[in-house]
C-alpha atoms as a PDB file:
ATOM      1  CA  MET A   1     117.404 127.931 -26.266  1.00  0.00           C
ATOM      2  CA  MET A   2     116.118 131.467 -26.052  1.00  0.00           C
ATOM      3  CA  SER A   3     112.727 132.170 -24.542  1.00  0.00           C
ATOM      4  CA  SER A   4     110.710 135.218 -23.721  1.00  0.00           C
ATOM      5  CA  ALA A   5     108.961 133.725 -20.693  1.00  0.00           C
ATOM      6  CA  SER A   6     108.675 136.258 -17.899  1.00  0.00           C
ATOM      7  CA  LYS A   7     108.735 134.016 -14.803  1.00  0.00           C
ATOM      8  CA  THR A   8     111.609 134.671 -12.445  1.00  0.00           C
ATOM      9  CA  VAL A   9     113.478 132.377 -10.109  1.00  0.00           C
ATOM     10  CA  HIS A  10     114.901 134.364  -7.184  1.00  0.00           C
ATOM     11  CA  GLY A  11     115.423 137.350  -9.473  1.00  0.00           C
ATOM     12  CA  PHE A  12     116.762 135.168 -12.292  1.00  0.00           C
ATOM     13  CA  SER A  13     114.563 135.361 -15.384  1.00  0.00           C
ATOM     14  CA  CYS A  14     113.872 132.510 -17.744  1.00  0.00           C
ATOM     15  CA  GLY A  15     115.791 134.328 -20.467  1.00  0.00           C
ATOM     16  CA  GLU A  16     118.813 134.718 -18.187  1.00  0.00           C
ATOM     17  CA  ALA A  17     118.687 131.048 -17.191  1.00  0.00           C
ATOM     18  CA  VAL A  18     118.481 129.938 -20.809  1.00  0.00           C
ATOM     19  CA  ALA A  19     121.259 132.302 -21.884  1.00  0.00           C
ATOM     20  CA  ALA A  20     123.503 130.939 -19.127  1.00  0.00           C
ATOM     21  CA  LEU A  21     123.190 127.471 -20.648  1.00  0.00           C
ATOM     22  CA  GLN A  22     124.401 128.437 -24.114  1.00  0.00           C
ATOM     23  CA  PRO A  23     127.664 126.444 -23.621  1.00  0.00           C
ATOM     24  CA  CYS A  24     125.491 123.317 -23.381  1.00  0.00           C
ATOM     25  CA  LEU A  25     123.736 123.736 -26.723  1.00  0.00           C
ATOM     26  CA  PRO A  26     126.203 121.983 -29.063  1.00  0.00           C
ATOM     27  CA  PHE A  27     126.017 118.862 -26.891  1.00  0.00           C
ATOM     28  CA  LEU A  28     122.263 119.075 -26.228  1.00  0.00           C
ATOM     29  CA  LYS A  29     121.453 119.460 -29.916  1.00  0.00           C
ATOM     30  CA  GLY A  30     123.724 116.558 -30.881  1.00  0.00           C
ATOM     31  CA  ASN A  31     126.250 118.718 -32.736  1.00  0.00           C
ATOM     32  CA  SER A  32     129.057 117.714 -30.373  1.00  0.00           C
ATOM     33  CA  ARG A  33     129.913 114.463 -28.649  1.00  0.00           C
ATOM     34  CA  TYR A  34     131.645 116.380 -25.871  1.00  0.00           C
ATOM     35  CA  LEU A  35     130.169 118.490 -23.124  1.00  0.00           C
ATOM     36  CA  ASN A  36     131.792 121.885 -22.573  1.00  0.00           C
ATOM     37  CA  VAL A  37     132.989 122.173 -18.962  1.00  0.00           C
ATOM     38  CA  LEU A  38     131.349 125.606 -18.766  1.00  0.00           C
ATOM     39  CA  CYS A  39     128.029 123.868 -19.287  1.00  0.00           C
ATOM     40  CA  CYS A  40     128.350 122.050 -15.958  1.00  0.00           C
ATOM     41  CA  VAL A  41     129.459 125.201 -14.153  1.00  0.00           C
ATOM     42  CA  ASP A  42     126.510 127.131 -15.566  1.00  0.00           C
ATOM     43  CA  ILE A  43     124.007 124.365 -14.833  1.00  0.00           C
ATOM     44  CA  ARG A  44     125.151 124.293 -11.211  1.00  0.00           C
ATOM     45  CA  ALA A  45     124.799 128.081 -10.926  1.00  0.00           C
ATOM     46  CA  VAL A  46     121.321 128.084 -12.433  1.00  0.00           C
ATOM     47  CA  SER A  47     120.198 125.050 -10.412  1.00  0.00           C
ATOM     48  CA  ASP A  48     121.413 126.630  -7.180  1.00  0.00           C
ATOM     49  CA  LYS A  49     119.014 129.534  -7.760  1.00  0.00           C
ATOM     50  CA  ALA A  50     116.030 127.163  -7.893  1.00  0.00           C
ATOM     51  CA  ALA A  51     115.640 126.783  -4.146  1.00  0.00           C
ATOM     52  CA  THR A  52     111.911 126.079  -3.869  1.00  0.00           C
ATOM     53  CA  THR A  53     109.522 123.667  -5.565  1.00  0.00           C
ATOM     54  CA  GLU A  54     107.852 126.593  -7.328  1.00  0.00           C
ATOM     55  CA  ASP A  55     111.230 127.863  -8.561  1.00  0.00           C
ATOM     56  CA  ARG A  56     112.107 124.420  -9.910  1.00  0.00           C
ATOM     57  CA  ARG A  57     108.750 124.079 -11.690  1.00  0.00           C
ATOM     58  CA  ASN A  58     109.083 127.526 -13.258  1.00  0.00           C
ATOM     59  CA  LEU A  59     112.628 126.790 -14.387  1.00  0.00           C
ATOM     60  CA  CYS A  60     111.570 123.377 -15.683  1.00  0.00           C
ATOM     61  CA  GLN A  61     108.805 124.968 -17.783  1.00  0.00           C
ATOM     62  CA  CYS A  62     111.286 127.538 -19.040  1.00  0.00           C
ATOM     63  CA  PHE A  63     113.810 124.876 -20.089  1.00  0.00           C
ATOM     64  CA  LYS A  64     111.083 122.702 -21.570  1.00  0.00           C
ATOM     65  CA  LYS A  65     109.827 125.475 -23.868  1.00  0.00           C
ATOM     66  CA  ALA A  66     113.289 126.721 -24.760  1.00  0.00           C
ATOM     67  CA  GLY A  67     114.670 123.209 -25.269  1.00  0.00           C
ATOM     68  CA  THR A  68     111.845 122.220 -27.582  1.00  0.00           C
ATOM     69  CA  ALA A  69     112.306 125.403 -29.617  1.00  0.00           C
ATOM     70  CA  ALA A  70     116.077 124.868 -29.824  1.00  0.00           C
ATOM     71  CA  GLY A  71     115.866 121.221 -30.845  1.00  0.00           C
ATOM     72  CA  VAL A  72     117.357 119.736 -27.687  1.00  0.00           C
ATOM     73  CA  LYS A  73     117.569 115.961 -27.933  1.00  0.00           C
ATOM     74  CA  PRO A  74     116.001 114.380 -24.823  1.00  0.00           C
ATOM     75  CA  GLU A  75     118.570 111.573 -24.719  1.00  0.00           C
ATOM     76  CA  LYS A  76     121.376 114.153 -24.603  1.00  0.00           C
ATOM     77  CA  ALA A  77     119.627 116.169 -21.877  1.00  0.00           C
ATOM     78  CA  ARG A  78     119.299 113.049 -19.718  1.00  0.00           C
ATOM     79  CA  GLN A  79     123.102 112.550 -19.906  1.00  0.00           C
ATOM     80  CA  ILE A  80     123.888 115.922 -18.323  1.00  0.00           C
ATOM     81  CA  PRO A  81     123.713 114.903 -14.610  1.00  0.00           C
ATOM     82  CA  LYS A  82     126.096 111.975 -15.101  1.00  0.00           C
ATOM     83  CA  LYS A  83     128.479 113.915 -17.325  1.00  0.00           C
ATOM     84  CA  CYS A  84     128.528 116.850 -14.889  1.00  0.00           C
ATOM     85  CA  LEU A  85     128.827 114.515 -11.875  1.00  0.00           C
ATOM     86  CA  MET A  86     125.944 116.206 -10.118  1.00  0.00           C
ATOM     87  CA  LYS A  87     122.294 115.864  -9.285  1.00  0.00           C
ATOM     88  CA  VAL A  88     120.334 118.330 -11.398  1.00  0.00           C
ATOM     89  CA  PRO A  89     117.169 119.446  -9.563  1.00  0.00           C
ATOM     90  CA  VAL A  90     115.718 120.927 -12.750  1.00  0.00           C
ATOM     91  CA  PRO A  91     115.803 118.602 -15.763  1.00  0.00           C
ATOM     92  CA  LEU A  92     116.816 119.993 -19.151  1.00  0.00           C
ATOM     93  CA  ASP A  93     114.830 117.280 -20.939  1.00  0.00           C
ATOM     94  CA  PRO A  94     112.116 118.921 -23.084  1.00  0.00           C
ATOM     95  CA  THR A  95     109.885 115.846 -22.649  1.00  0.00           C
ATOM     96  CA  VAL A  96     109.840 115.910 -18.826  1.00  0.00           C
ATOM     97  CA  ASP A  97     106.648 116.454 -16.826  1.00  0.00           C
ATOM     98  CA  CYS A  98     107.367 119.619 -14.833  1.00  0.00           C
ATOM     99  CA  THR A  99     104.504 119.031 -12.413  1.00  0.00           C
ATOM    100  CA  LYS A 100     106.344 116.155 -10.709  1.00  0.00           C
END
């Protein structure tokens, strides 16, 4: 899920956000049935940095581009909040409309 987008979220670049979610990739791509616990920890850390609506939109666009490029399966991405037992303010689903 690497991306070269230059937008930052409170000093956190798109590339850094995407790199932080590397533990999620096996699950998101459908290569693993199980979600790595580090994935949830990292998602919480990245989500906590997206404090404003603009931050969340920028991060959403970042994840959307990176997720599409990496082959993230939307149905797997939609399972993340439930599996991590948390509300995710920035969806990882590459099919999501980031303007909403």
